[in-house]
Each structure stands twice: as structure tokens, then as C-alpha cells.
Amino acid sequence: MLLPLTGSWKNDVIAFITIIYSWETYIKVRQYKKICNAKIPKQLEEYVDEEKLEKTKAYQKDNYIFSFITDALDLIETILMFELNLLPYLWDLAEKVLLKFGYNSEYEILQSLIFIGLFKIINDIINLPQDLYHTFVIEARHGFNNTTLKLYIIDEIKTNLLLIAFGGPLISLFLKIIQWTGDKFYFYVWIFMAVVQLLLLIIYPNFIQPLFNKFTPLEEGELKSKIEAIAASVNYPLKKLFVVDNSKRSGHSNAYLFGLGKNKRIVLYDTLLKQVNDEEICSILEIEKENNNNSNNKLTIKFE
């Protein structure tokens, strides 16, 4: 049986969480005020018009207000979770599920997986209205949302199936390492997590991302030649250049670099190609000249 936090321990945890929430909210409020009072710098007046600034401010303000509300709800949810002893209840419920299927509490890893699954189901149900509102109201209000309800549901199904297929075995191995190594588990867990992260750098872009988006090689032409020249100028071993169909979900634009060793790639969102010209795309990638020297391998740019 998982014992609930009691007395001062529970109060200390709730107090700590509340302090963190208060500090983060204070910082966000300061930033929100800065956004409300933002004006175009004189140096950028010929490049950014007032209408575009107001649209950007409106989008950022909506997101901050949404964040204020969801953060407060998350705090309330967390406090209730401790006050109602939800975690011990779910742990005991997981044990009952085990017994129902003929297992006992000695199957601690299996019980842990059931516990995590139950917690995730509850968390997903609570967060679903927030996610739907942000996607289909806030993003749509500002012209960024292209996601249909059907696509949203399909994405959720794929995500959860992947979590079951990969998350279950990884969590099981993680817990098994702790059982095997005893008091020195932290060192072996650190090695395990490092290996997993390296594997994900290979698995995610090659096998998981294509389940959600279509990656098309960038057509031969002036833009491709310029990007290859930029990569060569900083000794970036560029192997492939892709365009991803982000427009089926969002109007936001990104460009990012990824890869290991001599197998590096650059991905451009199709929305980026529609919103800026070739010279501007090259200027964006030029920023990576300095970042590349610091071993950064990913660049993300979002246009509001």
C-alpha cells in the first residue's frame, strides 16, 4: 500500500508548489504588461507596420490570459490531488486491477504501469477541454489553426499508441534498473536516460515524425543551392533537405536542424516557404553559423 503524505509533509509540498506557481505567475504578469505596452522600435518602423504589431500583441495576450487560467487550474488540481490522497488511491486501485487478473502485489512493475496509465487517463480527461479550447478557439481566432477535429482525434490515438508501445517497455526497464542496482540506482538510471535520448534522436525523426507528417525532399533550385552553401560554409554535414506539411495543422512557421554525426538534416515547414522569400529563409539559417560553433543542432523560428 502506498501511504499518503500526512501532516507537515503534505503542507510543505503544497506550500512549495504554491510558491513556484506564485513566482512564475509574477514573471508572466510582468511580461504580459510589457506586451500590452509594446511599441515598434524606430529601427524597425520601415519593416513592421502598426497593424501587424497589434495582431501579434493580441495573439500573445490571448495566450498569456489562457496560461493564467490553466496554471491556476493546474495548481488547484495538484492541491486537490494531495488533499484527497489521489495517488495512494490510484496505487491501491492498480493493485486491485492486478488481483482481478490473477496477479499479486509482487508484480510491482506491472502495478506501476497500471498506476501510470490510470493517472494519465485522469490527467488527459481534465486537460482535454483546455487543449481543445486553445487549438480550436485561440489558434483559430488568430488564423493559425488548420487542424480538423478528425485530425486531432487521429493524432491523439497515434500518440497514445506510441506511448503504450514505447513508453511501457522503457518505464519497465527504468524501474527494473532501480530494482537491480539498489542504492546506486541514480548512476545507472543516468546512463540509461542518456542512451534513450541518443536513440530518440535517431528514432523520432526517422520513424515517429513520419507517422504524423509527410516529409518531401526540397526541390532542386536556387534555394536548395543557397542552403547547401550555407551548410558547407560552417562545415555542417548536410545530407538531406526536407519540406514538411505543417500547414495541415497550423499556420505557424518553423525551420529546424537535427541529426547525429555526419548525418545532419534541415527541415523547412511548408508554411515558411509561403510566408517569406528565399533570401529571408537563408538569413534565418545564417543565424546557425554561430550556434553551430556551440554544438547546437536545432533551430526553431516561429512567425506570429
C-alpha atoms as a PDB file:
ATOM      1  CA  MET A   1       0.000   0.000   0.000  1.00  0.00           C
ATOM      2  CA  LEU A   2       1.276   3.478  -0.917  1.00  0.00           C
ATOM      3  CA  LEU A   3       0.928   5.655   2.174  1.00  0.00           C
ATOM      4  CA  PRO A   4      -0.414   9.206   1.661  1.00  0.00           C
ATOM      5  CA  LEU A   5       1.526  12.287   2.628  1.00  0.00           C
ATOM      6  CA  THR A   6       0.376  13.465   6.026  1.00  0.00           C
ATOM      7  CA  GLY A   7       0.819  16.387   8.387  1.00  0.00           C
ATOM      8  CA  SER A   8       3.671  18.783   7.764  1.00  0.00           C
ATOM      9  CA  TRP A   9       4.976  16.836   4.740  1.00  0.00           C
ATOM     10  CA  LYS A  10       1.770  17.433   2.827  1.00  0.00           C
ATOM     11  CA  ASN A  11       1.655  21.090   3.871  1.00  0.00           C
ATOM     12  CA  ASP A  12       5.303  21.592   2.914  1.00  0.00           C
ATOM     13  CA  VAL A  13       4.788  20.109  -0.560  1.00  0.00           C
ATOM     14  CA  ILE A  14       1.670  22.206  -1.187  1.00  0.00           C
ATOM     15  CA  ALA A  15       3.440  25.336   0.092  1.00  0.00           C
ATOM     16  CA  PHE A  16       6.433  24.696  -2.193  1.00  0.00           C
ATOM     17  CA  ILE A  17       4.210  24.164  -5.246  1.00  0.00           C
ATOM     18  CA  THR A  18       2.261  27.326  -4.434  1.00  0.00           C
ATOM     19  CA  ILE A  19       5.458  29.379  -4.109  1.00  0.00           C
ATOM     20  CA  ILE A  20       6.681  28.149  -7.506  1.00  0.00           C
ATOM     21  CA  TYR A  21       3.290  28.964  -9.047  1.00  0.00           C
ATOM     22  CA  SER A  22       3.288  32.452  -7.493  1.00  0.00           C
ATOM     23  CA  TRP A  23       6.789  33.237  -8.736  1.00  0.00           C
ATOM     24  CA  GLU A  24       6.109  32.028 -12.274  1.00  0.00           C
ATOM     25  CA  THR A  25       2.816  33.937 -12.362  1.00  0.00           C
ATOM     26  CA  TYR A  26       4.567  37.109 -11.194  1.00  0.00           C
ATOM     27  CA  ILE A  27       7.074  36.804 -14.058  1.00  0.00           C
ATOM     28  CA  LYS A  28       4.283  36.158 -16.579  1.00  0.00           C
ATOM     29  CA  VAL A  29       2.299  39.175 -15.351  1.00  0.00           C
ATOM     30  CA  ARG A  30       5.349  41.393 -15.849  1.00  0.00           C
ATOM     31  CA  GLN A  31       5.794  40.027 -19.371  1.00  0.00           C
ATOM     32  CA  TYR A  32       2.087  40.474 -20.108  1.00  0.00           C
ATOM     33  CA  LYS A  33       2.328  44.157 -19.160  1.00  0.00           C
ATOM     34  CA  LYS A  34       5.370  44.537 -21.426  1.00  0.00           C
ATOM     35  CA  ILE A  35       3.420  43.060 -24.333  1.00  0.00           C
ATOM     36  CA  CYS A  36       0.448  45.356 -23.711  1.00  0.00           C
ATOM     37  CA  ASN A  37       2.724  48.412 -23.821  1.00  0.00           C
ATOM     38  CA  ALA A  38       4.945  47.221 -26.683  1.00  0.00           C
ATOM     39  CA  LYS A  39       5.695  49.682 -29.469  1.00  0.00           C
ATOM     40  CA  ILE A  40       7.635  49.384 -32.699  1.00  0.00           C
ATOM     41  CA  PRO A  41      11.309  50.378 -32.240  1.00  0.00           C
ATOM     42  CA  LYS A  42      12.387  53.200 -34.538  1.00  0.00           C
ATOM     43  CA  GLN A  43      14.923  50.901 -36.196  1.00  0.00           C
ATOM     44  CA  LEU A  44      12.098  48.580 -37.330  1.00  0.00           C
ATOM     45  CA  GLU A  45       9.415  51.093 -38.273  1.00  0.00           C
ATOM     46  CA  GLU A  46      10.018  50.639 -42.008  1.00  0.00           C
ATOM     47  CA  TYR A  47       9.767  46.842 -41.712  1.00  0.00           C
ATOM     48  CA  VAL A  48       6.888  46.329 -39.245  1.00  0.00           C
ATOM     49  CA  ASP A  49       3.579  48.161 -39.548  1.00  0.00           C
ATOM     50  CA  GLU A  50       1.249  49.018 -36.667  1.00  0.00           C
ATOM     51  CA  GLU A  51      -1.439  46.576 -37.786  1.00  0.00           C
ATOM     52  CA  LYS A  52       0.954  43.618 -37.701  1.00  0.00           C
ATOM     53  CA  LEU A  53       2.179  44.634 -34.254  1.00  0.00           C
ATOM     54  CA  GLU A  54      -1.368  44.814 -32.890  1.00  0.00           C
ATOM     55  CA  LYS A  55      -2.178  41.378 -34.307  1.00  0.00           C
ATOM     56  CA  THR A  56       0.931  39.927 -32.684  1.00  0.00           C
ATOM     57  CA  LYS A  57       0.108  41.593 -29.368  1.00  0.00           C
ATOM     58  CA  ALA A  58      -3.473  40.307 -29.472  1.00  0.00           C
ATOM     59  CA  TYR A  59      -2.272  36.750 -30.060  1.00  0.00           C
ATOM     60  CA  GLN A  60       0.318  36.913 -27.291  1.00  0.00           C
ATOM     61  CA  LYS A  61      -2.166  38.475 -24.857  1.00  0.00           C
ATOM     62  CA  ASP A  62      -4.728  35.748 -25.525  1.00  0.00           C
ATOM     63  CA  ASN A  63      -2.100  33.090 -24.882  1.00  0.00           C
ATOM     64  CA  TYR A  64      -0.985  34.701 -21.634  1.00  0.00           C
ATOM     65  CA  ILE A  65      -4.558  35.032 -20.360  1.00  0.00           C
ATOM     66  CA  PHE A  66      -5.159  31.398 -21.273  1.00  0.00           C
ATOM     67  CA  SER A  67      -1.953  30.480 -19.434  1.00  0.00           C
ATOM     68  CA  PHE A  68      -3.026  32.394 -16.307  1.00  0.00           C
ATOM     69  CA  ILE A  69      -6.280  30.423 -16.195  1.00  0.00           C
ATOM     70  CA  THR A  70      -4.794  26.992 -16.931  1.00  0.00           C
ATOM     71  CA  ASP A  71      -1.914  27.495 -14.487  1.00  0.00           C
ATOM     72  CA  ALA A  72      -4.396  28.346 -11.723  1.00  0.00           C
ATOM     73  CA  LEU A  73      -6.483  25.292 -12.583  1.00  0.00           C
ATOM     74  CA  ASP A  74      -3.358  23.107 -12.574  1.00  0.00           C
ATOM     75  CA  LEU A  75      -2.451  24.408  -9.109  1.00  0.00           C
ATOM     76  CA  ILE A  76      -5.934  23.641  -7.800  1.00  0.00           C
ATOM     77  CA  GLU A  77      -5.775  20.189  -9.399  1.00  0.00           C
ATOM     78  CA  THR A  78      -2.407  19.458  -7.770  1.00  0.00           C
ATOM     79  CA  ILE A  79      -3.524  20.635  -4.323  1.00  0.00           C
ATOM     80  CA  LEU A  80      -6.680  18.526  -4.541  1.00  0.00           C
ATOM     81  CA  MET A  81      -4.592  15.553  -5.638  1.00  0.00           C
ATOM     82  CA  PHE A  82      -2.624  15.746  -2.386  1.00  0.00           C
ATOM     83  CA  GLU A  83      -5.538  16.691  -0.142  1.00  0.00           C
ATOM     84  CA  LEU A  84      -7.700  13.844  -1.452  1.00  0.00           C
ATOM     85  CA  ASN A  85      -4.777  11.376  -1.437  1.00  0.00           C
ATOM     86  CA  LEU A  86      -5.398  10.565  -5.101  1.00  0.00           C
ATOM     87  CA  LEU A  87      -2.008   8.949  -5.727  1.00  0.00           C
ATOM     88  CA  PRO A  88      -2.295   6.351  -2.919  1.00  0.00           C
ATOM     89  CA  TYR A  89      -5.867   5.667  -4.067  1.00  0.00           C
ATOM     90  CA  LEU A  90      -4.719   5.045  -7.660  1.00  0.00           C
ATOM     91  CA  TRP A  91      -1.886   2.822  -6.423  1.00  0.00           C
ATOM     92  CA  ASP A  92      -4.336   0.709  -4.446  1.00  0.00           C
ATOM     93  CA  LEU A  93      -6.706   0.654  -7.420  1.00  0.00           C
ATOM     94  CA  ALA A  94      -3.848  -0.589  -9.620  1.00  0.00           C
ATOM     95  CA  GLU A  95      -3.272  -3.405  -7.129  1.00  0.00           C
ATOM     96  CA  LYS A  96      -6.957  -4.359  -7.302  1.00  0.00           C
ATOM     97  CA  VAL A  97      -6.724  -4.491 -11.096  1.00  0.00           C
ATOM     98  CA  LEU A  98      -3.716  -6.812 -10.748  1.00  0.00           C
ATOM     99  CA  LEU A  99      -5.607  -9.112  -8.399  1.00  0.00           C
ATOM    100  CA  LYS A 100      -8.586  -9.167 -10.740  1.00  0.00           C
ATOM    101  CA  PHE A 101      -6.377 -10.582 -13.496  1.00  0.00           C
ATOM    102  CA  GLY A 102      -4.769 -13.174 -11.253  1.00  0.00           C
ATOM    103  CA  TYR A 103      -1.582 -11.328 -10.292  1.00  0.00           C
ATOM    104  CA  ASN A 104      -0.476 -10.128  -6.867  1.00  0.00           C
ATOM    105  CA  SER A 105       1.363  -7.129  -5.432  1.00  0.00           C
ATOM    106  CA  GLU A 106       4.736  -8.800  -6.069  1.00  0.00           C
ATOM    107  CA  TYR A 107       4.383  -7.665  -9.690  1.00  0.00           C
ATOM    108  CA  GLU A 108       5.443  -4.162  -8.724  1.00  0.00           C
ATOM    109  CA  ILE A 109       6.468  -3.036 -12.208  1.00  0.00           C
ATOM    110  CA  LEU A 110       3.177  -4.138 -13.730  1.00  0.00           C
ATOM    111  CA  GLN A 111       1.332  -2.369 -10.924  1.00  0.00           C
ATOM    112  CA  SER A 112       3.396   0.762 -11.614  1.00  0.00           C
ATOM    113  CA  LEU A 113       2.418   0.682 -15.298  1.00  0.00           C
ATOM    114  CA  ILE A 114      -1.271   0.383 -14.399  1.00  0.00           C
ATOM    115  CA  PHE A 115      -0.861   3.232 -11.896  1.00  0.00           C
ATOM    116  CA  ILE A 116       0.753   5.486 -14.518  1.00  0.00           C
ATOM    117  CA  GLY A 117      -1.936   4.563 -17.038  1.00  0.00           C
ATOM    118  CA  LEU A 118      -4.751   5.435 -14.618  1.00  0.00           C
ATOM    119  CA  PHE A 119      -3.099   8.726 -13.726  1.00  0.00           C
ATOM    120  CA  LYS A 120      -2.635   9.611 -17.401  1.00  0.00           C
ATOM    121  CA  ILE A 121      -6.274   8.856 -18.214  1.00  0.00           C
ATOM    122  CA  ILE A 122      -7.456  11.195 -15.453  1.00  0.00           C
ATOM    123  CA  ASN A 123      -4.955  13.879 -16.447  1.00  0.00           C
ATOM    124  CA  ASP A 124      -5.925  13.671 -20.135  1.00  0.00           C
ATOM    125  CA  ILE A 125      -9.638  13.977 -19.321  1.00  0.00           C
ATOM    126  CA  ILE A 126      -9.009  17.056 -17.166  1.00  0.00           C
ATOM    127  CA  ASN A 127      -6.748  18.721 -19.751  1.00  0.00           C
ATOM    128  CA  LEU A 128      -8.842  17.868 -22.817  1.00  0.00           C
ATOM    129  CA  PRO A 129     -11.146  20.950 -22.633  1.00  0.00           C
ATOM    130  CA  GLN A 130      -8.116  23.226 -22.245  1.00  0.00           C
ATOM    131  CA  ASP A 131      -6.339  21.708 -25.230  1.00  0.00           C
ATOM    132  CA  LEU A 132      -9.454  21.843 -27.409  1.00  0.00           C
ATOM    133  CA  TYR A 133     -10.098  25.470 -26.480  1.00  0.00           C
ATOM    134  CA  HIS A 134      -6.533  26.518 -27.257  1.00  0.00           C
ATOM    135  CA  THR A 135      -6.472  24.691 -30.592  1.00  0.00           C
ATOM    136  CA  PHE A 136      -9.953  25.385 -31.923  1.00  0.00           C
ATOM    137  CA  VAL A 137     -10.671  28.776 -30.336  1.00  0.00           C
ATOM    138  CA  ILE A 138      -7.493  30.760 -29.649  1.00  0.00           C
ATOM    139  CA  GLU A 139      -5.428  29.456 -32.566  1.00  0.00           C
ATOM    140  CA  ALA A 140      -8.444  29.654 -34.899  1.00  0.00           C
ATOM    141  CA  ARG A 141      -9.300  33.188 -33.765  1.00  0.00           C
ATOM    142  CA  HIS A 142      -5.900  34.387 -34.942  1.00  0.00           C
ATOM    143  CA  GLY A 143      -5.907  32.392 -38.177  1.00  0.00           C
ATOM    144  CA  PHE A 144      -3.316  29.795 -37.170  1.00  0.00           C
ATOM    145  CA  ASN A 145      -5.388  26.650 -36.717  1.00  0.00           C
ATOM    146  CA  ASN A 146      -5.800  24.285 -39.659  1.00  0.00           C
ATOM    147  CA  THR A 147      -6.387  21.168 -37.562  1.00  0.00           C
ATOM    148  CA  THR A 148      -9.703  19.426 -38.099  1.00  0.00           C
ATOM    149  CA  LEU A 149     -11.431  17.546 -35.288  1.00  0.00           C
ATOM    150  CA  LYS A 150     -10.816  14.300 -37.189  1.00  0.00           C
ATOM    151  CA  LEU A 151      -7.082  15.001 -37.465  1.00  0.00           C
ATOM    152  CA  TYR A 152      -6.962  15.986 -33.783  1.00  0.00           C
ATOM    153  CA  ILE A 153      -8.534  12.665 -32.757  1.00  0.00           C
ATOM    154  CA  ILE A 154      -6.234  10.672 -35.061  1.00  0.00           C
ATOM    155  CA  ASP A 155      -3.177  12.449 -33.611  1.00  0.00           C
ATOM    156  CA  GLU A 156      -4.310  11.644 -30.068  1.00  0.00           C
ATOM    157  CA  ILE A 157      -4.843   7.974 -30.933  1.00  0.00           C
ATOM    158  CA  LYS A 158      -1.415   7.710 -32.579  1.00  0.00           C
ATOM    159  CA  THR A 159       0.263   9.473 -29.653  1.00  0.00           C
ATOM    160  CA  ASN A 160      -1.288   7.171 -27.064  1.00  0.00           C
ATOM    161  CA  LEU A 161      -0.495   4.041 -29.070  1.00  0.00           C
ATOM    162  CA  LEU A 162       3.135   5.160 -29.306  1.00  0.00           C
ATOM    163  CA  LEU A 163       3.212   5.816 -25.565  1.00  0.00           C
ATOM    164  CA  ILE A 164       1.965   2.288 -24.943  1.00  0.00           C
ATOM    165  CA  ALA A 165       4.360   0.724 -27.462  1.00  0.00           C
ATOM    166  CA  PHE A 166       7.485   2.619 -26.373  1.00  0.00           C
ATOM    167  CA  GLY A 167       6.659   4.149 -23.001  1.00  0.00           C
ATOM    168  CA  GLY A 168       5.589   0.904 -21.348  1.00  0.00           C
ATOM    169  CA  PRO A 169       8.792  -1.043 -22.086  1.00  0.00           C
ATOM    170  CA  LEU A 170      11.014   1.961 -21.282  1.00  0.00           C
ATOM    171  CA  ILE A 171       9.320   2.598 -17.938  1.00  0.00           C
ATOM    172  CA  SER A 172       9.517  -1.115 -17.127  1.00  0.00           C
ATOM    173  CA  LEU A 173      13.239  -1.188 -17.870  1.00  0.00           C
ATOM    174  CA  PHE A 174      13.715   2.045 -15.908  1.00  0.00           C
ATOM    175  CA  LEU A 175      12.065   0.514 -12.825  1.00  0.00           C
ATOM    176  CA  LYS A 176      13.913  -2.776 -13.286  1.00  0.00           C
ATOM    177  CA  ILE A 177      17.246  -0.936 -13.268  1.00  0.00           C
ATOM    178  CA  ILE A 178      16.284   0.643  -9.942  1.00  0.00           C
ATOM    179  CA  GLN A 179      15.453  -2.797  -8.541  1.00  0.00           C
ATOM    180  CA  TRP A 180      18.701  -4.323  -9.816  1.00  0.00           C
ATOM    181  CA  THR A 181      21.080  -1.568  -8.691  1.00  0.00           C
ATOM    182  CA  GLY A 182      19.680  -0.673  -5.266  1.00  0.00           C
ATOM    183  CA  ASP A 183      21.125   2.421  -3.578  1.00  0.00           C
ATOM    184  CA  LYS A 184      23.369   3.226  -6.562  1.00  0.00           C
ATOM    185  CA  PHE A 185      20.435   3.335  -8.986  1.00  0.00           C
ATOM    186  CA  TYR A 186      20.921   7.027  -9.832  1.00  0.00           C
ATOM    187  CA  PHE A 187      24.181   6.384 -11.738  1.00  0.00           C
ATOM    188  CA  TYR A 188      22.732   3.554 -13.832  1.00  0.00           C
ATOM    189  CA  VAL A 189      19.489   5.439 -14.415  1.00  0.00           C
ATOM    190  CA  TRP A 190      21.533   8.391 -15.668  1.00  0.00           C
ATOM    191  CA  ILE A 191      23.336   6.133 -18.166  1.00  0.00           C
ATOM    192  CA  PHE A 192      20.023   4.590 -19.213  1.00  0.00           C
ATOM    193  CA  MET A 193      18.409   8.003 -19.810  1.00  0.00           C
ATOM    194  CA  ALA A 194      21.431   9.204 -21.800  1.00  0.00           C
ATOM    195  CA  VAL A 195      21.243   6.136 -24.060  1.00  0.00           C
ATOM    196  CA  VAL A 196      17.475   6.577 -24.511  1.00  0.00           C
ATOM    197  CA  GLN A 197      17.917  10.222 -25.502  1.00  0.00           C
ATOM    198  CA  LEU A 198      20.549   9.316 -28.081  1.00  0.00           C
ATOM    199  CA  LEU A 199      18.322   6.608 -29.522  1.00  0.00           C
ATOM    200  CA  LEU A 200      15.385   9.021 -29.687  1.00  0.00           C
ATOM    201  CA  LEU A 201      17.492  11.407 -31.781  1.00  0.00           C
ATOM    202  CA  ILE A 202      17.583   8.634 -34.375  1.00  0.00           C
ATOM    203  CA  ILE A 203      14.172   7.021 -33.890  1.00  0.00           C
ATOM    204  CA  TYR A 204      11.966  10.117 -33.555  1.00  0.00           C
ATOM    205  CA  PRO A 205      12.764  11.937 -36.828  1.00  0.00           C
ATOM    206  CA  ASN A 206      13.085   8.763 -38.894  1.00  0.00           C
ATOM    207  CA  PHE A 207      10.209   6.641 -37.621  1.00  0.00           C
ATOM    208  CA  ILE A 208       7.865   8.647 -35.363  1.00  0.00           C
ATOM    209  CA  GLN A 209       7.592  12.052 -37.052  1.00  0.00           C
ATOM    210  CA  PRO A 210       6.646  10.497 -40.433  1.00  0.00           C
ATOM    211  CA  LEU A 211       3.601   8.974 -38.713  1.00  0.00           C
ATOM    212  CA  PHE A 212       2.240  12.499 -38.232  1.00  0.00           C
ATOM    213  CA  ASN A 213       3.667  14.481 -41.145  1.00  0.00           C
ATOM    214  CA  LYS A 214       4.808  13.988 -44.711  1.00  0.00           C
ATOM    215  CA  PHE A 215       8.443  14.907 -45.410  1.00  0.00           C
ATOM    216  CA  THR A 216       9.237  15.805 -49.019  1.00  0.00           C
ATOM    217  CA  PRO A 217      12.764  16.489 -50.319  1.00  0.00           C
ATOM    218  CA  LEU A 218      13.237  20.160 -51.198  1.00  0.00           C
ATOM    219  CA  GLU A 219      13.132  20.611 -54.953  1.00  0.00           C
ATOM    220  CA  GLU A 220      16.311  21.360 -56.854  1.00  0.00           C
ATOM    221  CA  GLY A 221      16.724  25.065 -57.365  1.00  0.00           C
ATOM    222  CA  GLU A 222      18.255  28.294 -56.146  1.00  0.00           C
ATOM    223  CA  LEU A 223      17.008  27.963 -52.556  1.00  0.00           C
ATOM    224  CA  LYS A 224      18.428  24.475 -52.129  1.00  0.00           C
ATOM    225  CA  SER A 225      21.776  25.543 -53.586  1.00  0.00           C
ATOM    226  CA  LYS A 226      21.966  28.528 -51.234  1.00  0.00           C
ATOM    227  CA  ILE A 227      21.132  26.431 -48.167  1.00  0.00           C
ATOM    228  CA  GLU A 228      23.744  23.835 -49.124  1.00  0.00           C
ATOM    229  CA  ALA A 229      26.283  26.641 -49.496  1.00  0.00           C
ATOM    230  CA  ILE A 230      25.441  27.954 -46.017  1.00  0.00           C
ATOM    231  CA  ALA A 231      25.851  24.453 -44.561  1.00  0.00           C
ATOM    232  CA  ALA A 232      29.180  23.980 -46.324  1.00  0.00           C
ATOM    233  CA  SER A 233      30.466  27.345 -45.048  1.00  0.00           C
ATOM    234  CA  VAL A 234      30.183  26.136 -41.430  1.00  0.00           C
ATOM    235  CA  ASN A 235      31.182  22.518 -42.150  1.00  0.00           C
ATOM    236  CA  TYR A 236      27.667  21.320 -41.366  1.00  0.00           C
ATOM    237  CA  PRO A 237      27.431  17.803 -42.878  1.00  0.00           C
ATOM    238  CA  LEU A 238      24.046  18.309 -44.517  1.00  0.00           C
ATOM    239  CA  LYS A 239      22.728  15.083 -46.036  1.00  0.00           C
ATOM    240  CA  LYS A 240      19.053  15.842 -46.635  1.00  0.00           C
ATOM    241  CA  LEU A 241      16.772  18.858 -47.015  1.00  0.00           C
ATOM    242  CA  PHE A 242      13.079  18.348 -46.330  1.00  0.00           C
ATOM    243  CA  VAL A 243       9.831  20.288 -46.517  1.00  0.00           C
ATOM    244  CA  VAL A 244       7.206  19.149 -44.002  1.00  0.00           C
ATOM    245  CA  ASP A 245       3.461  19.614 -44.481  1.00  0.00           C
ATOM    246  CA  ASN A 246       2.840  21.577 -41.279  1.00  0.00           C
ATOM    247  CA  SER A 247       0.083  23.605 -42.967  1.00  0.00           C
ATOM    248  CA  LYS A 248      -2.429  20.788 -42.411  1.00  0.00           C
ATOM    249  CA  ARG A 249      -2.293  21.561 -38.686  1.00  0.00           C
ATOM    250  CA  SER A 250      -1.085  25.111 -38.188  1.00  0.00           C
ATOM    251  CA  GLY A 251      -0.240  28.397 -39.850  1.00  0.00           C
ATOM    252  CA  HIS A 252       2.898  28.801 -37.729  1.00  0.00           C
ATOM    253  CA  SER A 253       6.259  28.502 -39.458  1.00  0.00           C
ATOM    254  CA  ASN A 254       9.387  26.733 -38.271  1.00  0.00           C
ATOM    255  CA  ALA A 255      12.783  25.700 -39.540  1.00  0.00           C
ATOM    256  CA  TYR A 256      14.974  23.274 -37.661  1.00  0.00           C
ATOM    257  CA  LEU A 257      18.192  21.314 -37.954  1.00  0.00           C
ATOM    258  CA  PHE A 258      18.812  17.891 -36.467  1.00  0.00           C
ATOM    259  CA  GLY A 259      20.921  14.780 -36.757  1.00  0.00           C
ATOM    260  CA  LEU A 260      23.902  12.941 -35.342  1.00  0.00           C
ATOM    261  CA  GLY A 261      27.476  12.797 -36.562  1.00  0.00           C
ATOM    262  CA  LYS A 262      27.805  13.083 -40.319  1.00  0.00           C
ATOM    263  CA  ASN A 263      24.098  12.598 -40.964  1.00  0.00           C
ATOM    264  CA  LYS A 264      22.585  16.072 -40.466  1.00  0.00           C
ATOM    265  CA  ARG A 265      19.301  17.308 -41.915  1.00  0.00           C
ATOM    266  CA  ILE A 266      17.390  20.546 -42.297  1.00  0.00           C
ATOM    267  CA  VAL A 267      13.592  20.711 -42.266  1.00  0.00           C
ATOM    268  CA  LEU A 268      11.571  23.679 -43.538  1.00  0.00           C
ATOM    269  CA  TYR A 269       7.861  23.993 -42.835  1.00  0.00           C
ATOM    270  CA  ASP A 270       5.796  24.477 -45.983  1.00  0.00           C
ATOM    271  CA  THR A 271       4.200  27.496 -44.286  1.00  0.00           C
ATOM    272  CA  LEU A 272       7.632  29.105 -44.051  1.00  0.00           C
ATOM    273  CA  LEU A 273       8.132  28.802 -47.816  1.00  0.00           C
ATOM    274  CA  LYS A 274       4.800  30.573 -48.347  1.00  0.00           C
ATOM    275  CA  GLN A 275       5.397  33.393 -45.859  1.00  0.00           C
ATOM    276  CA  VAL A 276       8.962  34.504 -46.611  1.00  0.00           C
ATOM    277  CA  ASN A 277      11.190  34.645 -49.670  1.00  0.00           C
ATOM    278  CA  ASP A 278      14.371  32.689 -50.365  1.00  0.00           C
ATOM    279  CA  GLU A 279      16.671  35.433 -49.100  1.00  0.00           C
ATOM    280  CA  GLU A 280      14.812  35.623 -45.792  1.00  0.00           C
ATOM    281  CA  ILE A 281      14.986  31.843 -45.351  1.00  0.00           C
ATOM    282  CA  CYS A 282      18.727  31.953 -45.952  1.00  0.00           C
ATOM    283  CA  SER A 283      19.049  34.787 -43.435  1.00  0.00           C
ATOM    284  CA  ILE A 284      17.262  32.647 -40.859  1.00  0.00           C
ATOM    285  CA  LEU A 285      19.635  29.748 -41.454  1.00  0.00           C
ATOM    286  CA  GLU A 286      22.651  32.064 -41.363  1.00  0.00           C
ATOM    287  CA  ILE A 287      21.916  32.559 -37.666  1.00  0.00           C
ATOM    288  CA  GLU A 288      23.038  28.985 -37.161  1.00  0.00           C
ATOM    289  CA  LYS A 289      26.618  29.870 -38.095  1.00  0.00           C
ATOM    290  CA  GLU A 290      27.308  30.992 -34.527  1.00  0.00           C
ATOM    291  CA  ASN A 291      25.062  28.371 -32.947  1.00  0.00           C
ATOM    292  CA  ASN A 292      26.831  25.623 -34.872  1.00  0.00           C
ATOM    293  CA  ASN A 293      30.114  26.593 -33.243  1.00  0.00           C
ATOM    294  CA  ASN A 294      28.472  25.947 -29.870  1.00  0.00           C
ATOM    295  CA  SER A 295      27.301  22.472 -30.993  1.00  0.00           C
ATOM    296  CA  ASN A 296      23.655  23.472 -31.177  1.00  0.00           C
ATOM    297  CA  ASN A 297      21.873  21.308 -33.721  1.00  0.00           C
ATOM    298  CA  LYS A 298      18.371  22.660 -33.646  1.00  0.00           C
ATOM    299  CA  LEU A 299      16.885  25.993 -34.649  1.00  0.00           C
ATOM    300  CA  THR A 300      13.257  26.895 -34.237  1.00  0.00           C
ATOM    301  CA  ILE A 301      11.676  30.080 -35.545  1.00  0.00           C
ATOM    302  CA  LYS A 302       8.007  30.874 -35.144  1.00  0.00           C
ATOM    303  CA  PHE A 303       6.206  33.556 -37.121  1.00  0.00           C
ATOM    304  CA  GLU A 304       3.120  35.023 -35.470  1.00  0.00           C
END
